[in-house]
PDB file of N, CA and C in Angstrom:
ATOM      1  N   MET A   1     154.044 124.759 122.304  1.00  0.00           N
ATOM      2  CA  MET A   1     155.268 124.427 123.038  1.00  0.00           C
ATOM      3  C   MET A   1     155.072 124.380 124.337  1.00  0.00           C
ATOM      4  N   LYS A   2     155.224 123.234 125.390  1.00  0.00           N
ATOM      5  CA  LYS A   2     155.234 123.581 126.541  1.00  0.00           C
ATOM      6  C   LYS A   2     156.448 124.523 127.049  1.00  0.00           C
ATOM      7  N   THR A   3     155.531 125.765 128.441  1.00  0.00           N
ATOM      8  CA  THR A   3     157.035 126.347 128.900  1.00  0.00           C
ATOM      9  C   THR A   3     156.830 126.341 129.983  1.00  0.00           C
ATOM     10  N   SER A   4     158.045 126.648 131.291  1.00  0.00           N
ATOM     11  CA  SER A   4     157.424 126.079 132.230  1.00  0.00           C
ATOM     12  C   SER A   4     158.725 127.616 132.561  1.00  0.00           C
ATOM     13  N   THR A   5     158.592 128.196 133.784  1.00  0.00           N
ATOM     14  CA  THR A   5     159.119 129.264 134.683  1.00  0.00           C
ATOM     15  C   THR A   5     159.846 128.556 135.207  1.00  0.00           C
ATOM     16  N   VAL A   6     161.155 129.339 135.640  1.00  0.00           N
ATOM     17  CA  VAL A   6     162.193 128.864 136.259  1.00  0.00           C
ATOM     18  C   VAL A   6     162.602 130.557 137.171  1.00  0.00           C
ATOM     19  N   ASN A   7     163.141 130.009 138.260  1.00  0.00           N
ATOM     20  CA  ASN A   7     164.197 131.011 139.097  1.00  0.00           C
ATOM     21  C   ASN A   7     165.293 130.992 139.310  1.00  0.00           C
ATOM     22  N   ILE A   8     166.359 132.201 138.475  1.00  0.00           N
ATOM     23  CA  ILE A   8     167.121 132.229 138.183  1.00  0.00           C
ATOM     24  C   ILE A   8     167.955 133.587 139.367  1.00  0.00           C
ATOM     25  N   SER A   9     169.151 132.876 140.110  1.00  0.00           N
ATOM     26  CA  SER A   9     169.709 133.646 140.369  1.00  0.00           C
ATOM     27  C   SER A   9     170.544 134.876 139.499  1.00  0.00           C
ATOM     28  N   PHE A  10     170.992 135.787 139.590  1.00  0.00           N
ATOM     29  CA  PHE A  10     172.263 136.461 138.934  1.00  0.00           C
ATOM     30  C   PHE A  10     172.625 137.611 139.593  1.00  0.00           C
ATOM     31  N   ASN A  11     174.669 137.650 139.517  1.00  0.00           N
ATOM     32  CA  ASN A  11     174.466 138.698 140.265  1.00  0.00           C
ATOM     33  C   ASN A  11     173.730 140.054 139.430  1.00  0.00           C
ATOM     34  N   SER A  12     174.713 141.248 140.301  1.00  0.00           N
ATOM     35  CA  SER A  12     173.589 142.286 139.493  1.00  0.00           C
ATOM     36  C   SER A  12     174.420 143.010 138.424  1.00  0.00           C
ATOM     37  N   ASP A  13     175.437 142.961 138.518  1.00  0.00           N
ATOM     38  CA  ASP A  13     176.163 142.966 137.502  1.00  0.00           C
ATOM     39  C   ASP A  13     176.139 142.467 136.000  1.00  0.00           C
ATOM     40  N   LEU A  14     176.225 140.605 136.035  1.00  0.00           N
ATOM     41  CA  LEU A  14     175.818 140.034 134.936  1.00  0.00           C
ATOM     42  C   LEU A  14     174.220 140.403 134.916  1.00  0.00           C
ATOM     43  N   LEU A  15     173.080 140.852 135.818  1.00  0.00           N
ATOM     44  CA  LEU A  15     171.553 140.965 135.034  1.00  0.00           C
ATOM     45  C   LEU A  15     171.793 142.203 134.040  1.00  0.00           C
ATOM     46  N   GLU A  16     172.466 143.407 134.446  1.00  0.00           N
ATOM     47  CA  GLU A  16     172.845 144.799 134.160  1.00  0.00           C
ATOM     48  C   GLU A  16     173.216 144.685 132.801  1.00  0.00           C
ATOM     49  N   GLU A  17     174.366 143.763 132.402  1.00  0.00           N
ATOM     50  CA  GLU A  17     175.012 143.222 131.475  1.00  0.00           C
ATOM     51  C   GLU A  17     173.830 142.409 130.173  1.00  0.00           C
ATOM     52  N   ILE A  18     173.005 141.846 130.804  1.00  0.00           N
ATOM     53  CA  ILE A  18     171.546 141.349 129.769  1.00  0.00           C
ATOM     54  C   ILE A  18     170.987 141.416 129.218  1.00  0.00           C
ATOM     55  N   ASP A  19     170.681 143.184 130.215  1.00  0.00           N
ATOM     56  CA  ASP A  19     169.406 143.410 130.219  1.00  0.00           C
ATOM     57  C   ASP A  19     170.190 144.547 129.251  1.00  0.00           C
ATOM     58  N   ARG A  20     171.513 145.082 129.231  1.00  0.00           N
ATOM     59  CA  ARG A  20     172.016 146.154 128.203  1.00  0.00           C
ATOM     60  C   ARG A  20     171.492 145.245 126.545  1.00  0.00           C
ATOM     61  N   VAL A  21     172.392 144.302 127.121  1.00  0.00           N
ATOM     62  CA  VAL A  21     172.172 143.363 125.978  1.00  0.00           C
ATOM     63  C   VAL A  21     170.702 143.124 124.722  1.00  0.00           C
ATOM     64  N   ALA A  22     169.900 142.741 125.894  1.00  0.00           N
ATOM     65  CA  ALA A  22     168.480 142.462 125.484  1.00  0.00           C
ATOM     66  C   ALA A  22     168.060 144.078 125.174  1.00  0.00           C
ATOM     67  N   GLY A  23     168.190 144.790 125.458  1.00  0.00           N
ATOM     68  CA  GLY A  23     167.788 146.297 125.166  1.00  0.00           C
ATOM     69  C   GLY A  23     168.481 146.903 123.728  1.00  0.00           C
ATOM     70  N   HIS A  24     169.545 146.514 123.850  1.00  0.00           N
ATOM     71  CA  HIS A  24     169.934 146.919 122.583  1.00  0.00           C
ATOM     72  C   HIS A  24     169.607 145.721 121.064  1.00  0.00           C
ATOM     73  N   GLU A  25     169.045 145.083 121.713  1.00  0.00           N
ATOM     74  CA  GLU A  25     168.735 144.106 120.218  1.00  0.00           C
ATOM     75  C   GLU A  25     167.287 143.714 120.375  1.00  0.00           C
ATOM     76  N   SER A  26     166.665 144.950 120.959  1.00  0.00           N
ATOM     77  CA  SER A  26     164.954 145.234 121.387  1.00  0.00           C
ATOM     78  C   SER A  26     164.422 143.414 121.534  1.00  0.00           C
ATOM     79  N   ARG A  27     165.152 143.231 122.235  1.00  0.00           N
ATOM     80  CA  ARG A  27     164.142 141.824 122.731  1.00  0.00           C
ATOM     81  C   ARG A  27     163.764 141.600 124.623  1.00  0.00           C
ATOM     82  N   ALA A  28     163.362 140.473 125.421  1.00  0.00           N
ATOM     83  CA  ALA A  28     163.452 140.591 126.192  1.00  0.00           C
ATOM     84  C   ALA A  28     164.546 139.878 127.174  1.00  0.00           C
ATOM     85  N   ARG A  29     164.916 140.044 128.116  1.00  0.00           N
ATOM     86  CA  ARG A  29     165.181 139.024 128.795  1.00  0.00           C
ATOM     87  C   ARG A  29     165.216 137.610 128.385  1.00  0.00           C
ATOM     88  N   SER A  30     164.284 136.993 128.831  1.00  0.00           N
ATOM     89  CA  SER A  30     164.078 136.050 128.588  1.00  0.00           C
ATOM     90  C   SER A  30     164.186 135.655 127.481  1.00  0.00           C
ATOM     91  N   GLU A  31     164.233 135.731 126.081  1.00  0.00           N
ATOM     92  CA  GLU A  31     164.203 135.555 125.215  1.00  0.00           C
ATOM     93  C   GLU A  31     166.171 135.178 124.781  1.00  0.00           C
ATOM     94  N   LEU A  32     166.311 136.679 125.631  1.00  0.00           N
ATOM     95  CA  LEU A  32     168.260 136.496 125.063  1.00  0.00           C
ATOM     96  C   LEU A  32     168.423 135.536 126.402  1.00  0.00           C
ATOM     97  N   ILE A  33     167.963 134.905 127.048  1.00  0.00           N
ATOM     98  CA  ILE A  33     168.073 133.799 127.997  1.00  0.00           C
ATOM     99  C   ILE A  33     168.430 132.337 127.239  1.00  0.00           C
ATOM    100  N   ARG A  34     167.445 132.653 127.210  1.00  0.00           N
ATOM    101  CA  ARG A  34     166.700 131.276 126.368  1.00  0.00           C
ATOM    102  C   ARG A  34     168.211 130.515 124.889  1.00  0.00           C
ATOM    103  N   GLU A  35     168.375 131.997 123.869  1.00  0.00           N
ATOM    104  CA  GLU A  35     168.880 131.534 122.985  1.00  0.00           C
ATOM    105  C   GLU A  35     170.252 131.421 123.839  1.00  0.00           C
ATOM    106  N   ALA A  36     170.787 131.508 124.764  1.00  0.00           N
ATOM    107  CA  ALA A  36     172.148 131.893 125.310  1.00  0.00           C
ATOM    108  C   ALA A  36     172.406 130.458 125.679  1.00  0.00           C
ATOM    109  N   ALA A  37     171.215 129.491 126.492  1.00  0.00           N
ATOM    110  CA  ALA A  37     171.246 128.481 126.654  1.00  0.00           C
ATOM    111  C   ALA A  37     171.234 127.435 125.144  1.00  0.00           C
ATOM    112  N   ARG A  38     170.686 127.483 125.106  1.00  0.00           N
ATOM    113  CA  ARG A  38     170.785 126.923 123.601  1.00  0.00           C
ATOM    114  C   ARG A  38     172.131 126.915 122.512  1.00  0.00           C
ATOM    115  N   MET A  39     172.167 127.955 122.262  1.00  0.00           N
ATOM    116  CA  MET A  39     173.434 128.234 122.033  1.00  0.00           C
ATOM    117  C   MET A  39     174.621 127.586 122.614  1.00  0.00           C
ATOM    118  N   TYR A  40     174.819 127.707 124.441  1.00  0.00           N
ATOM    119  CA  TYR A  40     175.447 126.896 125.260  1.00  0.00           C
ATOM    120  C   TYR A  40     175.401 125.183 124.714  1.00  0.00           C
ATOM    121  N   ILE A  41     174.096 124.940 124.172  1.00  0.00           N
ATOM    122  CA  ILE A  41     173.628 123.431 124.288  1.00  0.00           C
ATOM    123  C   ILE A  41     174.923 122.762 123.175  1.00  0.00           C
ATOM    124  N   SER A  42     174.535 123.994 122.264  1.00  0.00           N
ATOM    125  CA  SER A  42     174.820 123.205 120.878  1.00  0.00           C
ATOM    126  C   SER A  42     175.930 122.920 120.900  1.00  0.00           C
ATOM    127  N   ARG A  43     177.094 124.549 121.235  1.00  0.00           N
ATOM    128  CA  ARG A  43     178.367 124.423 121.336  1.00  0.00           C
ATOM    129  C   ARG A  43     178.717 123.246 122.273  1.00  0.00           C
ATOM    130  N   LYS A  44     178.117 122.774 123.185  1.00  0.00           N
ATOM    131  CA  LYS A  44     178.508 121.368 123.957  1.00  0.00           C
ATOM    132  C   LYS A  44     178.167 120.078 122.433  1.00  0.00           C
ATOM    133  N   LYS A  45     177.833 119.787 122.386  1.00  0.00           N
ATOM    134  CA  LYS A  45     177.606 118.884 121.001  1.00  0.00           C
ATOM    135  C   LYS A  45     178.118 118.932 120.198  1.00  0.00           C
ATOM    136  N   GLN A  46     179.044 119.975 119.988  1.00  0.00           N
ATOM    137  CA  GLN A  46     179.953 120.058 118.983  1.00  0.00           C
ATOM    138  C   GLN A  46     181.418 119.728 119.267  1.00  0.00           C
ATOM    139  N   TRP A  47     181.466 120.249 120.290  1.00  0.00           N
ATOM    140  CA  TRP A  47     182.748 119.808 120.968  1.00  0.00           C
ATOM    141  C   TRP A  47     183.001 118.403 121.155  1.00  0.00           C
ATOM    142  N   LYS A  48     181.862 117.742 121.918  1.00  0.00           N
ATOM    143  CA  LYS A  48     181.900 116.145 121.992  1.00  0.00           C
ATOM    144  C   LYS A  48     181.491 115.616 120.938  1.00  0.00           C
ATOM    145  N   LYS A  49     181.162 115.647 119.477  1.00  0.00           N
ATOM    146  CA  LYS A  49     181.430 115.894 117.869  1.00  0.00           C
ATOM    147  C   LYS A  49     182.944 115.610 117.781  1.00  0.00           C
ATOM    148  N   ILE A  50     183.541 117.027 117.967  1.00  0.00           N
ATOM    149  CA  ILE A  50     184.613 117.167 117.608  1.00  0.00           C
ATOM    150  C   ILE A  50     185.851 115.945 118.366  1.00  0.00           C
ATOM    151  N   PHE A  51     185.242 116.289 119.748  1.00  0.00           N
ATOM    152  CA  PHE A  51     186.789 115.028 120.588  1.00  0.00           C
ATOM    153  C   PHE A  51     186.450 113.671 120.429  1.00  0.00           C
ATOM    154  N   SER A  52     185.070 113.439 119.680  1.00  0.00           N
ATOM    155  CA  SER A  52     185.071 111.749 119.631  1.00  0.00           C
ATOM    156  C   SER A  52     185.638 111.325 117.927  1.00  0.00           C
ATOM    157  N   PHE A  53     185.222 112.938 116.887  1.00  0.00           N
ATOM    158  CA  PHE A  53     186.394 112.464 115.655  1.00  0.00           C
ATOM    159  C   PHE A  53     187.563 112.401 116.145  1.00  0.00           C
ATOM    160  N   GLY A  54     188.345 113.035 116.916  1.00  0.00           N
ATOM    161  CA  GLY A  54     189.779 112.587 117.007  1.00  0.00           C
ATOM    162  C   GLY A  54     190.210 111.948 117.786  1.00  0.00           C
ATOM    163  N   THR A  55     189.383 111.430 118.553  1.00  0.00           N
ATOM    164  CA  THR A  55     189.543 109.926 119.261  1.00  0.00           C
ATOM    165  C   THR A  55     188.984 108.858 118.535  1.00  0.00           C
ATOM    166  N   ARG A  56     188.844 108.572 117.247  1.00  0.00           N
ATOM    167  CA  ARG A  56     188.080 107.573 116.450  1.00  0.00           C
ATOM    168  C   ARG A  56     189.665 107.810 115.528  1.00  0.00           C
ATOM    169  N   GLN A  57     189.737 109.324 115.466  1.00  0.00           N
ATOM    170  CA  GLN A  57     191.272 108.953 114.121  1.00  0.00           C
ATOM    171  C   GLN A  57     192.001 108.580 114.453  1.00  0.00           C
ATOM    172  N   ALA A  58     192.366 109.004 116.145  1.00  0.00           N
ATOM    173  CA  ALA A  58     194.035 108.600 117.242  1.00  0.00           C
ATOM    174  C   ALA A  58     193.375 107.655 116.760  1.00  0.00           C
ATOM    175  N   LYS A  59     193.101 106.604 116.899  1.00  0.00           N
ATOM    176  CA  LYS A  59     192.677 105.109 117.435  1.00  0.00           C
ATOM    177  C   LYS A  59     193.004 105.028 115.669  1.00  0.00           C
ATOM    178  N   THR A  60     192.574 104.942 114.657  1.00  0.00           N
ATOM    179  CA  THR A  60     192.584 104.433 112.950  1.00  0.00           C
ATOM    180  C   THR A  60     193.967 105.005 112.781  1.00  0.00           C
ATOM    181  N   SER A  61     194.911 105.766 113.734  1.00  0.00           N
ATOM    182  CA  SER A  61     195.777 105.619 113.140  1.00  0.00           C
ATOM    183  C   SER A  61     197.398 105.410 114.044  1.00  0.00           C
ATOM    184  N   GLY A  62     196.350 105.022 114.943  1.00  0.00           N
ATOM    185  CA  GLY A  62     197.854 104.554 115.992  1.00  0.00           C
ATOM    186  C   GLY A  62     198.638 105.702 116.940  1.00  0.00           C
ATOM    187  N   LEU A  63     197.778 106.560 117.086  1.00  0.00           N
ATOM    188  CA  LEU A  63     198.523 108.092 118.113  1.00  0.00           C
ATOM    189  C   LEU A  63     198.093 107.634 119.470  1.00  0.00           C
ATOM    190  N   LYS A  64     198.979 108.165 119.835  1.00  0.00           N
ATOM    191  CA  LYS A  64     198.423 108.523 121.667  1.00  0.00           C
ATOM    192  C   LYS A  64     198.876 109.689 121.673  1.00  0.00           C
ATOM    193  N   GLU A  65     198.108 109.899 123.018  1.00  0.00           N
ATOM    194  CA  GLU A  65     198.475 111.534 123.523  1.00  0.00           C
ATOM    195  C   GLU A  65     199.592 112.138 123.461  1.00  0.00           C
ATOM    196  N   SER A  66     201.091 111.062 123.941  1.00  0.00           N
ATOM    197  CA  SER A  66     202.277 111.406 124.200  1.00  0.00           C
ATOM    198  C   SER A  66     203.086 111.602 122.801  1.00  0.00           C
ATOM    199  N   ASP A  67     202.219 111.691 121.728  1.00  0.00           N
ATOM    200  CA  ASP A  67     202.643 111.410 120.335  1.00  0.00           C
ATOM    201  C   ASP A  67     202.411 112.752 119.670  1.00  0.00           C
ATOM    202  N   VAL A  68     201.505 113.555 120.215  1.00  0.00           N
ATOM    203  CA  VAL A  68     200.848 115.093 119.596  1.00  0.00           C
ATOM    204  C   VAL A  68     201.863 116.112 119.510  1.00  0.00           C
ATOM    205  N   GLY A  69     202.140 116.313 120.904  1.00  0.00           N
ATOM    206  CA  GLY A  69     203.723 117.086 120.704  1.00  0.00           C
ATOM    207  C   GLY A  69     204.088 117.219 120.332  1.00  0.00           C
ATOM    208  N   GLY A  70     205.674 116.076 120.073  1.00  0.00           N
ATOM    209  CA  GLY A  70     206.240 115.567 118.764  1.00  0.00           C
ATOM    210  C   GLY A  70     205.327 115.905 117.209  1.00  0.00           C
ATOM    211  N   ALA A  71     204.370 115.646 117.325  1.00  0.00           N
ATOM    212  CA  ALA A  71     203.337 115.747 116.038  1.00  0.00           C
ATOM    213  C   ALA A  71     203.718 117.535 115.718  1.00  0.00           C
ATOM    214  N   ILE A  72     203.015 118.361 116.431  1.00  0.00           N
ATOM    215  CA  ILE A  72     203.163 119.601 116.192  1.00  0.00           C
ATOM    216  C   ILE A  72     204.326 120.365 115.652  1.00  0.00           C
ATOM    217  N   ARG A  73     205.603 119.630 117.097  1.00  0.00           N
ATOM    218  CA  ARG A  73     206.694 120.231 116.684  1.00  0.00           C
ATOM    219  C   ARG A  73     206.758 119.667 115.164  1.00  0.00           C
ATOM    220  N   GLN A  74     206.985 118.706 115.151  1.00  0.00           N
ATOM    221  CA  GLN A  74     208.108 118.071 113.607  1.00  0.00           C
ATOM    222  C   GLN A  74     206.823 119.739 112.543  1.00  0.00           C
ATOM    223  N   PHE A  75     205.616 119.558 112.656  1.00  0.00           N
ATOM    224  CA  PHE A  75     204.859 120.090 112.343  1.00  0.00           C
ATOM    225  C   PHE A  75     205.557 121.332 111.600  1.00  0.00           C
ATOM    226  N   ARG A  76     205.304 122.494 112.667  1.00  0.00           N
ATOM    227  CA  ARG A  76     206.051 123.426 113.215  1.00  0.00           C
ATOM    228  C   ARG A  76     207.406 123.902 111.927  1.00  0.00           C
ATOM    229  N   HIS A  77     208.221 122.607 112.701  1.00  0.00           N
ATOM    230  CA  HIS A  77     209.469 123.075 111.739  1.00  0.00           C
ATOM    231  C   HIS A  77     209.379 122.850 110.535  1.00  0.00           C
ATOM    232  N   SER A  78     208.666 121.747 109.320  1.00  0.00           N
ATOM    233  CA  SER A  78     208.864 121.414 108.657  1.00  0.00           C
ATOM    234  C   SER A  78     207.998 123.141 108.055  1.00  0.00           C
ATOM    235  N   LYS A  79     207.186 123.858 108.952  1.00  0.00           N
ATOM    236  CA  LYS A  79     206.439 124.740 107.877  1.00  0.00           C
ATOM    237  C   LYS A  79     207.484 125.770 107.805  1.00  0.00           C
ATOM    238  N   GLY A  80     208.385 125.987 108.999  1.00  0.00           N
ATOM    239  CA  GLY A  80     209.608 127.351 108.981  1.00  0.00           C
ATOM    240  C   GLY A  80     210.612 127.303 108.179  1.00  0.00           C
ATOM    241  N   ARG A  81     210.745 125.263 107.639  1.00  0.00           N
ATOM    242  CA  ARG A  81     211.602 125.260 106.686  1.00  0.00           C
ATOM    243  C   ARG A  81     211.079 126.012 105.128  1.00  0.00           C
ATOM    244  N   GLN A  82     209.713 124.990 105.122  1.00  0.00           N
ATOM    245  CA  GLN A  82     209.393 125.710 103.682  1.00  0.00           C
ATOM    246  C   GLN A  82     209.529 127.545 103.245  1.00  0.00           C
ATOM    247  N   GLY A  83     209.049 128.371 104.573  1.00  0.00           N
ATOM    248  CA  GLY A  83     208.665 129.634 104.547  1.00  0.00           C
ATOM    249  C   GLY A  83     210.028 130.527 104.207  1.00  0.00           C
TER     250      GLY A  83
END
């Protein structure tokens, strides 16, 4: 796999924390930052899928954003009566 070198600026407090975590985990700073970037990208993709699913479900059931608050209140009220 081809790699590229990039320059990134961090404030000193964040860089110290990165180095502390990398040291605690016995790995290089670059390895920690690469993993952090991969995790961030993965999480963004997961949230995109979740919101897409929610949008499709809302269209299927005919829900509008304005219906959500009332549905939550109704659900909480029904749970309070059962408990």
